[in-house]
């Protein structure tokens, strides 16, 4: 155990976060996301929800300030009359750690999968909320 590392952060996830460089991306994937088939590096966090993992990760990971949208969400598929309840939760958590954050980049489903394939890692969670997938772009420590 280490001091000041959230207990939800596994040694494997901590290693991944440390390895990432400026501009690298990490995906926090919900339980329905095809994480194993899309990941270059896969971290299993099946017993955890996405919001607690996001909260813990943001305690350690600076968001990129050189881009307009350092956080991206998978957009609702056209015709799916659904408004994700988890998005305002994400926004509140992100603003807790980054007061400059204003809004998300919205990415069409297939484009999100393609971008996830290029991400440094995918964190597979047990999150049950629909459209709970997000991408974080790592920034610099100042």
N, C-alpha and C. Protein backbone atom coordinates (compact mmCIF):
# COMPACT_ATOMS: atom_id res chain seq x y z
N UNK A 1 0.84 -1.20 0.00
CA UNK A 1 0.00 0.00 0.00
C UNK A 1 0.88 1.25 0.00
N UNK A 2 0.35 2.29 -0.61
CA UNK A 2 1.03 3.58 -0.64
C UNK A 2 0.11 4.64 -0.05
N UNK A 3 0.69 5.69 0.43
CA UNK A 3 -0.08 6.82 0.94
C UNK A 3 -0.67 7.61 -0.23
N UNK A 4 -1.87 8.11 -0.02
CA UNK A 4 -2.53 9.04 -0.94
C UNK A 4 -2.86 8.48 -2.32
N UNK A 5 -2.81 7.16 -2.49
CA UNK A 5 -3.26 6.53 -3.72
C UNK A 5 -4.64 5.95 -3.42
N UNK A 6 -5.66 6.35 -4.15
CA UNK A 6 -7.00 5.79 -3.90
C UNK A 6 -6.96 4.26 -4.00
N UNK A 7 -7.60 3.58 -3.07
CA UNK A 7 -7.55 2.12 -3.03
C UNK A 7 -8.21 1.47 -4.25
N UNK A 8 -9.04 2.19 -4.97
CA UNK A 8 -9.67 1.65 -6.17
C UNK A 8 -8.67 1.55 -7.33
N UNK A 9 -7.55 2.26 -7.22
CA UNK A 9 -6.51 2.23 -8.25
C UNK A 9 -5.63 1.00 -8.01
N UNK A 10 -5.69 0.05 -8.92
CA UNK A 10 -4.89 -1.17 -8.80
C UNK A 10 -3.44 -0.87 -9.17
N UNK A 11 -2.51 -1.73 -8.76
CA UNK A 11 -1.12 -1.54 -9.18
C UNK A 11 -0.98 -1.46 -10.71
N UNK A 12 -1.73 -2.28 -11.41
CA UNK A 12 -1.67 -2.27 -12.87
C UNK A 12 -2.14 -0.93 -13.44
N UNK A 13 -3.25 -0.40 -12.90
CA UNK A 13 -3.75 0.89 -13.39
C UNK A 13 -2.77 2.01 -13.03
N UNK A 14 -2.19 1.96 -11.86
CA UNK A 14 -1.21 2.97 -11.47
C UNK A 14 -0.01 2.95 -12.43
N UNK A 15 0.45 1.78 -12.78
CA UNK A 15 1.56 1.64 -13.73
C UNK A 15 1.19 2.27 -15.08
N UNK A 16 -0.01 1.97 -15.56
CA UNK A 16 -0.48 2.52 -16.85
C UNK A 16 -0.52 4.05 -16.79
N UNK A 17 -1.07 4.61 -15.72
CA UNK A 17 -1.16 6.06 -15.59
C UNK A 17 0.22 6.70 -15.55
N UNK A 18 1.18 6.02 -14.91
CA UNK A 18 2.55 6.52 -14.85
C UNK A 18 3.24 6.44 -16.20
N UNK A 19 2.97 5.39 -16.95
CA UNK A 19 3.60 5.21 -18.26
C UNK A 19 3.12 6.21 -19.30
N UNK A 20 1.88 6.63 -19.18
CA UNK A 20 1.30 7.52 -20.17
C UNK A 20 2.06 8.84 -20.22
N UNK A 21 2.20 9.37 -21.43
CA UNK A 21 2.82 10.66 -21.62
C UNK A 21 1.80 11.70 -22.05
N UNK A 22 2.27 12.93 -22.18
CA UNK A 22 1.40 14.04 -22.58
C UNK A 22 0.74 13.73 -23.93
N UNK A 23 -0.57 13.82 -23.96
CA UNK A 23 -1.33 13.57 -25.18
C UNK A 23 -1.83 12.14 -25.31
N UNK A 24 -1.29 11.22 -24.50
CA UNK A 24 -1.82 9.85 -24.52
C UNK A 24 -3.24 9.85 -23.98
N UNK A 25 -4.02 8.88 -24.44
CA UNK A 25 -5.42 8.79 -24.01
C UNK A 25 -5.70 7.47 -23.32
N UNK A 26 -6.61 7.54 -22.36
CA UNK A 26 -7.08 6.35 -21.66
C UNK A 26 -8.60 6.34 -21.71
N UNK A 27 -9.17 5.17 -21.95
CA UNK A 27 -10.62 5.01 -22.04
C UNK A 27 -11.12 4.39 -20.74
N UNK A 28 -12.16 4.97 -20.18
CA UNK A 28 -12.91 4.33 -19.09
C UNK A 28 -14.17 3.79 -19.76
N UNK A 29 -14.26 2.47 -19.79
CA UNK A 29 -15.32 1.81 -20.56
C UNK A 29 -16.38 1.21 -19.65
N UNK A 30 -17.63 1.33 -20.07
CA UNK A 30 -18.71 0.71 -19.30
C UNK A 30 -18.71 -0.80 -19.53
N UNK A 31 -19.57 -1.49 -18.81
CA UNK A 31 -19.60 -2.95 -18.85
C UNK A 31 -20.00 -3.54 -20.18
N UNK A 32 -20.63 -2.78 -21.05
CA UNK A 32 -21.04 -3.27 -22.36
C UNK A 32 -20.01 -3.01 -23.47
N UNK A 33 -19.00 -2.22 -23.17
CA UNK A 33 -18.02 -1.83 -24.18
C UNK A 33 -17.13 -3.03 -24.54
N UNK A 34 -16.82 -3.22 -25.82
CA UNK A 34 -15.95 -4.34 -26.22
C UNK A 34 -14.47 -4.03 -25.92
N UNK A 35 -14.15 -3.94 -24.64
CA UNK A 35 -12.83 -3.50 -24.20
C UNK A 35 -11.72 -4.46 -24.62
N UNK A 36 -11.89 -5.74 -24.37
CA UNK A 36 -10.81 -6.70 -24.65
C UNK A 36 -10.48 -6.77 -26.14
N UNK A 37 -11.47 -6.66 -26.99
CA UNK A 37 -11.21 -6.77 -28.42
C UNK A 37 -10.68 -5.47 -29.04
N UNK A 38 -10.67 -4.38 -28.28
CA UNK A 38 -10.22 -3.10 -28.81
C UNK A 38 -8.96 -2.55 -28.14
N UNK A 39 -8.54 -3.14 -27.03
CA UNK A 39 -7.47 -2.55 -26.23
C UNK A 39 -6.07 -2.94 -26.67
N UNK A 40 -5.19 -1.96 -26.70
CA UNK A 40 -3.76 -2.24 -26.81
C UNK A 40 -3.26 -2.74 -25.45
N UNK A 41 -3.75 -2.11 -24.40
CA UNK A 41 -3.47 -2.49 -23.02
C UNK A 41 -4.80 -2.48 -22.29
N UNK A 42 -5.13 -3.56 -21.63
CA UNK A 42 -6.42 -3.68 -20.95
C UNK A 42 -6.21 -3.77 -19.45
N UNK A 43 -6.97 -2.95 -18.71
CA UNK A 43 -6.97 -3.01 -17.25
C UNK A 43 -8.38 -3.40 -16.83
N UNK A 44 -8.52 -4.50 -16.11
CA UNK A 44 -9.83 -4.98 -15.66
C UNK A 44 -10.17 -4.36 -14.31
N UNK A 45 -11.32 -3.71 -14.25
CA UNK A 45 -11.86 -3.14 -13.01
C UNK A 45 -13.35 -3.47 -12.97
N UNK A 46 -13.67 -4.72 -13.24
CA UNK A 46 -15.05 -5.15 -13.44
C UNK A 46 -15.98 -4.88 -12.27
N UNK A 47 -15.49 -4.94 -11.06
CA UNK A 47 -16.36 -4.77 -9.89
C UNK A 47 -16.62 -3.32 -9.52
N UNK A 48 -16.14 -2.39 -10.33
CA UNK A 48 -16.25 -0.97 -9.99
C UNK A 48 -17.06 -0.22 -11.03
N UNK A 49 -17.73 0.83 -10.57
CA UNK A 49 -18.45 1.72 -11.46
C UNK A 49 -17.50 2.74 -12.06
N UNK A 50 -17.91 3.35 -13.14
CA UNK A 50 -17.08 4.34 -13.83
C UNK A 50 -16.89 5.62 -13.02
N UNK A 51 -17.94 6.18 -12.37
CA UNK A 51 -17.70 7.43 -11.63
C UNK A 51 -16.66 7.31 -10.51
N UNK A 52 -16.68 6.27 -9.69
CA UNK A 52 -15.63 6.18 -8.67
C UNK A 52 -14.22 6.04 -9.27
N UNK A 53 -14.12 5.32 -10.39
CA UNK A 53 -12.82 5.20 -11.05
C UNK A 53 -12.38 6.53 -11.64
N UNK A 54 -13.30 7.24 -12.27
CA UNK A 54 -12.97 8.56 -12.81
C UNK A 54 -12.49 9.48 -11.69
N UNK A 55 -13.19 9.48 -10.58
CA UNK A 55 -12.81 10.31 -9.43
C UNK A 55 -11.38 9.98 -8.98
N UNK A 56 -11.08 8.71 -8.86
CA UNK A 56 -9.75 8.29 -8.41
C UNK A 56 -8.67 8.63 -9.44
N UNK A 57 -8.95 8.38 -10.70
CA UNK A 57 -7.97 8.66 -11.76
C UNK A 57 -7.66 10.15 -11.83
N UNK A 58 -8.68 10.98 -11.71
CA UNK A 58 -8.46 12.42 -11.82
C UNK A 58 -7.68 13.00 -10.65
N UNK A 59 -7.58 12.26 -9.56
CA UNK A 59 -6.72 12.68 -8.45
C UNK A 59 -5.25 12.59 -8.84
N UNK A 60 -4.96 11.78 -9.86
CA UNK A 60 -3.58 11.50 -10.25
C UNK A 60 -3.23 12.01 -11.64
N UNK A 61 -4.20 12.06 -12.54
CA UNK A 61 -3.95 12.34 -13.95
C UNK A 61 -4.33 13.77 -14.31
N UNK A 62 -3.36 14.59 -14.74
CA UNK A 62 -3.72 15.92 -15.22
C UNK A 62 -4.35 15.83 -16.61
N UNK A 63 -5.35 16.64 -16.86
CA UNK A 63 -5.97 16.69 -18.19
C UNK A 63 -5.21 17.66 -19.08
N UNK A 64 -5.21 17.38 -20.36
CA UNK A 64 -4.48 18.18 -21.34
C UNK A 64 -5.10 19.57 -21.48
N UNK A 65 -4.30 20.59 -21.28
CA UNK A 65 -4.78 21.97 -21.41
C UNK A 65 -4.51 22.54 -22.79
N UNK A 66 -3.85 21.78 -23.66
CA UNK A 66 -3.52 22.25 -25.00
C UNK A 66 -4.59 21.92 -26.04
N UNK A 67 -5.63 21.24 -25.61
CA UNK A 67 -6.72 20.90 -26.52
C UNK A 67 -8.02 21.49 -25.99
N UNK A 68 -8.97 21.71 -26.89
CA UNK A 68 -10.25 22.29 -26.49
C UNK A 68 -11.05 21.34 -25.60
N UNK A 69 -11.01 20.03 -25.93
CA UNK A 69 -11.80 19.05 -25.19
C UNK A 69 -10.90 17.89 -24.76
N UNK A 70 -10.38 17.91 -23.52
CA UNK A 70 -9.54 16.82 -23.05
C UNK A 70 -10.33 15.57 -22.64
N UNK A 71 -11.65 15.67 -22.66
CA UNK A 71 -12.51 14.53 -22.31
C UNK A 71 -13.56 14.36 -23.40
N UNK A 72 -13.68 13.12 -23.86
CA UNK A 72 -14.65 12.81 -24.92
C UNK A 72 -15.62 11.73 -24.45
N UNK A 73 -16.84 11.83 -24.92
CA UNK A 73 -17.89 10.85 -24.62
C UNK A 73 -18.36 10.20 -25.92
N UNK A 74 -18.89 8.98 -25.79
CA UNK A 74 -19.56 8.34 -26.92
C UNK A 74 -20.95 8.96 -27.03
N UNK A 75 -21.23 9.57 -28.16
CA UNK A 75 -22.52 10.22 -28.38
C UNK A 75 -23.65 9.18 -28.44
N UNK A 76 -24.83 9.61 -28.05
CA UNK A 76 -26.01 8.76 -28.16
C UNK A 76 -26.26 8.49 -29.64
N UNK A 77 -26.52 7.23 -29.95
CA UNK A 77 -26.80 6.84 -31.33
C UNK A 77 -28.07 7.53 -31.82
N UNK A 78 -28.05 8.15 -33.00
CA UNK A 78 -29.26 8.80 -33.52
C UNK A 78 -30.45 7.83 -33.52
N UNK A 79 -31.56 8.33 -33.03
CA UNK A 79 -32.77 7.51 -32.95
C UNK A 79 -32.95 6.84 -31.61
N UNK A 80 -31.89 6.80 -30.79
CA UNK A 80 -31.99 6.23 -29.44
C UNK A 80 -32.44 7.36 -28.53
N UNK A 81 -33.69 7.40 -28.18
CA UNK A 81 -34.25 8.47 -27.37
C UNK A 81 -33.85 8.27 -25.91
N UNK A 82 -32.60 8.62 -25.60
CA UNK A 82 -32.04 8.37 -24.27
C UNK A 82 -31.14 9.53 -23.87
N UNK A 83 -31.25 9.96 -22.64
CA UNK A 83 -30.39 11.01 -22.10
C UNK A 83 -29.59 10.41 -20.94
N UNK A 84 -28.28 10.22 -21.13
CA UNK A 84 -27.47 9.56 -20.11
C UNK A 84 -27.39 10.34 -18.79
N UNK A 85 -27.83 9.69 -17.72
CA UNK A 85 -27.79 10.28 -16.38
C UNK A 85 -26.36 10.42 -15.86
N UNK A 86 -25.45 9.62 -16.38
CA UNK A 86 -24.09 9.62 -15.87
C UNK A 86 -23.27 10.82 -16.35
N UNK A 87 -23.64 11.43 -17.45
CA UNK A 87 -22.86 12.55 -17.99
C UNK A 87 -22.75 13.73 -17.03
N UNK A 88 -23.85 14.18 -16.39
CA UNK A 88 -23.70 15.28 -15.41
C UNK A 88 -22.82 14.89 -14.22
N UNK A 89 -22.84 13.63 -13.86
CA UNK A 89 -21.98 13.13 -12.78
C UNK A 89 -20.52 13.27 -13.20
N UNK A 90 -20.22 12.85 -14.43
CA UNK A 90 -18.86 12.99 -14.96
C UNK A 90 -18.43 14.46 -14.97
N UNK A 91 -19.31 15.32 -15.46
CA UNK A 91 -18.96 16.74 -15.57
C UNK A 91 -18.62 17.32 -14.20
N UNK A 92 -19.41 16.99 -13.20
CA UNK A 92 -19.17 17.49 -11.85
C UNK A 92 -17.83 16.98 -11.31
N UNK A 93 -17.54 15.70 -11.54
CA UNK A 93 -16.27 15.14 -11.07
C UNK A 93 -15.08 15.80 -11.76
N UNK A 94 -15.18 15.99 -13.06
CA UNK A 94 -14.07 16.60 -13.80
C UNK A 94 -13.84 18.03 -13.34
N UNK A 95 -14.91 18.78 -13.13
CA UNK A 95 -14.77 20.17 -12.69
C UNK A 95 -14.21 20.25 -11.27
N UNK A 96 -14.39 19.20 -10.49
CA UNK A 96 -13.81 19.14 -9.14
C UNK A 96 -12.28 19.19 -9.22
N UNK A 97 -11.70 18.61 -10.26
CA UNK A 97 -10.25 18.54 -10.40
C UNK A 97 -9.69 19.50 -11.45
N UNK A 98 -10.53 20.02 -12.32
CA UNK A 98 -10.07 20.92 -13.38
C UNK A 98 -11.11 22.01 -13.60
N UNK A 99 -10.89 23.14 -12.97
CA UNK A 99 -11.86 24.24 -13.03
C UNK A 99 -12.00 24.83 -14.43
N UNK A 100 -11.04 24.56 -15.33
CA UNK A 100 -11.11 25.07 -16.70
C UNK A 100 -12.06 24.26 -17.57
N UNK A 101 -12.41 23.05 -17.14
CA UNK A 101 -13.24 22.18 -17.97
C UNK A 101 -14.62 22.79 -18.17
N UNK A 102 -15.07 22.81 -19.43
CA UNK A 102 -16.40 23.35 -19.72
C UNK A 102 -17.35 22.31 -20.31
N UNK A 103 -16.86 21.53 -21.28
CA UNK A 103 -17.76 20.58 -21.91
C UNK A 103 -16.99 19.45 -22.57
N UNK A 104 -17.72 18.43 -22.94
CA UNK A 104 -17.17 17.23 -23.54
C UNK A 104 -17.10 17.34 -25.06
N UNK A 105 -16.18 16.60 -25.63
CA UNK A 105 -16.22 16.33 -27.06
C UNK A 105 -17.16 15.15 -27.24
N UNK A 106 -18.06 15.22 -28.19
CA UNK A 106 -18.99 14.14 -28.46
C UNK A 106 -18.52 13.40 -29.70
N UNK A 107 -18.41 12.07 -29.60
CA UNK A 107 -17.89 11.27 -30.70
C UNK A 107 -18.92 10.20 -31.08
N UNK A 108 -19.21 10.11 -32.37
CA UNK A 108 -20.11 9.09 -32.90
C UNK A 108 -19.59 7.70 -32.50
N UNK A 109 -20.50 6.76 -32.30
CA UNK A 109 -20.18 5.45 -31.74
C UNK A 109 -19.03 4.74 -32.45
N UNK A 110 -19.10 4.56 -33.76
CA UNK A 110 -18.04 3.84 -34.47
C UNK A 110 -16.72 4.61 -34.43
N UNK A 111 -16.79 5.93 -34.51
CA UNK A 111 -15.58 6.75 -34.40
C UNK A 111 -14.98 6.63 -33.00
N UNK A 112 -15.84 6.51 -31.99
CA UNK A 112 -15.35 6.32 -30.62
C UNK A 112 -14.58 5.00 -30.52
N UNK A 113 -15.14 3.93 -31.09
CA UNK A 113 -14.45 2.64 -31.08
C UNK A 113 -13.08 2.74 -31.74
N UNK A 114 -13.03 3.44 -32.88
CA UNK A 114 -11.76 3.60 -33.59
C UNK A 114 -10.75 4.37 -32.74
N UNK A 115 -11.19 5.43 -32.12
CA UNK A 115 -10.28 6.20 -31.25
C UNK A 115 -9.86 5.39 -30.04
N UNK A 116 -10.76 4.60 -29.50
CA UNK A 116 -10.43 3.74 -28.35
C UNK A 116 -9.35 2.73 -28.73
N UNK A 117 -9.38 2.23 -29.95
CA UNK A 117 -8.34 1.29 -30.41
C UNK A 117 -6.96 1.92 -30.40
N UNK A 118 -6.91 3.23 -30.60
CA UNK A 118 -5.62 3.95 -30.62
C UNK A 118 -5.20 4.42 -29.23
N UNK A 119 -6.09 4.32 -28.26
CA UNK A 119 -5.79 4.80 -26.91
C UNK A 119 -4.66 3.99 -26.28
N UNK A 120 -3.95 4.61 -25.37
CA UNK A 120 -2.87 3.92 -24.68
C UNK A 120 -3.39 2.70 -23.92
N UNK A 121 -4.57 2.86 -23.30
CA UNK A 121 -5.15 1.75 -22.54
C UNK A 121 -6.66 1.93 -22.44
N UNK A 122 -7.33 0.81 -22.17
CA UNK A 122 -8.76 0.82 -21.89
C UNK A 122 -8.95 0.19 -20.52
N UNK A 123 -9.73 0.87 -19.68
CA UNK A 123 -10.08 0.38 -18.36
C UNK A 123 -11.50 -0.17 -18.46
N UNK A 124 -11.65 -1.49 -18.31
CA UNK A 124 -12.96 -2.14 -18.38
C UNK A 124 -13.59 -2.12 -16.99
N UNK A 125 -14.72 -1.44 -16.87
CA UNK A 125 -15.41 -1.35 -15.58
C UNK A 125 -16.66 -2.23 -15.59
N UNK A 126 -17.30 -2.28 -14.45
CA UNK A 126 -18.58 -2.97 -14.34
C UNK A 126 -19.75 -2.00 -14.43
N UNK A 127 -19.50 -0.80 -14.95
CA UNK A 127 -20.53 0.23 -15.03
C UNK A 127 -21.71 -0.24 -15.86
N UNK A 128 -22.92 -0.09 -15.31
CA UNK A 128 -24.14 -0.52 -16.00
C UNK A 128 -24.84 0.60 -16.75
N UNK A 129 -24.50 1.86 -16.46
CA UNK A 129 -25.16 2.98 -17.14
C UNK A 129 -24.85 2.93 -18.64
N UNK A 130 -25.84 3.26 -19.44
CA UNK A 130 -25.64 3.31 -20.89
C UNK A 130 -24.88 4.57 -21.26
N UNK A 131 -24.08 4.48 -22.32
CA UNK A 131 -23.28 5.60 -22.82
C UNK A 131 -22.37 6.17 -21.73
N UNK A 132 -21.79 5.28 -20.94
CA UNK A 132 -20.92 5.70 -19.83
C UNK A 132 -19.44 5.65 -20.21
N UNK A 133 -19.13 5.51 -21.50
CA UNK A 133 -17.75 5.44 -21.96
C UNK A 133 -17.17 6.84 -22.13
N UNK A 134 -15.92 7.02 -21.68
CA UNK A 134 -15.27 8.30 -21.88
C UNK A 134 -13.78 8.13 -22.13
N UNK A 135 -13.20 9.11 -22.77
CA UNK A 135 -11.78 9.13 -23.09
C UNK A 135 -11.16 10.34 -22.43
N UNK A 136 -10.06 10.12 -21.71
CA UNK A 136 -9.32 11.20 -21.06
C UNK A 136 -7.99 11.38 -21.78
N UNK A 137 -7.62 12.62 -22.08
CA UNK A 137 -6.33 12.94 -22.69
C UNK A 137 -5.42 13.50 -21.60
N UNK A 138 -4.27 12.85 -21.40
CA UNK A 138 -3.34 13.24 -20.35
C UNK A 138 -2.63 14.54 -20.70
N UNK A 139 -2.50 15.39 -19.69
CA UNK A 139 -1.80 16.65 -19.84
C UNK A 139 -0.47 16.66 -19.12
N UNK A 140 -0.02 17.85 -18.82
CA UNK A 140 1.28 18.07 -18.16
C UNK A 140 1.08 18.44 -16.71
N UNK A 141 2.05 18.10 -15.88
CA UNK A 141 2.08 18.63 -14.52
C UNK A 141 2.69 20.02 -14.60
N UNK A 142 2.10 20.95 -13.87
CA UNK A 142 2.66 22.30 -13.93
C UNK A 142 3.29 22.67 -12.61
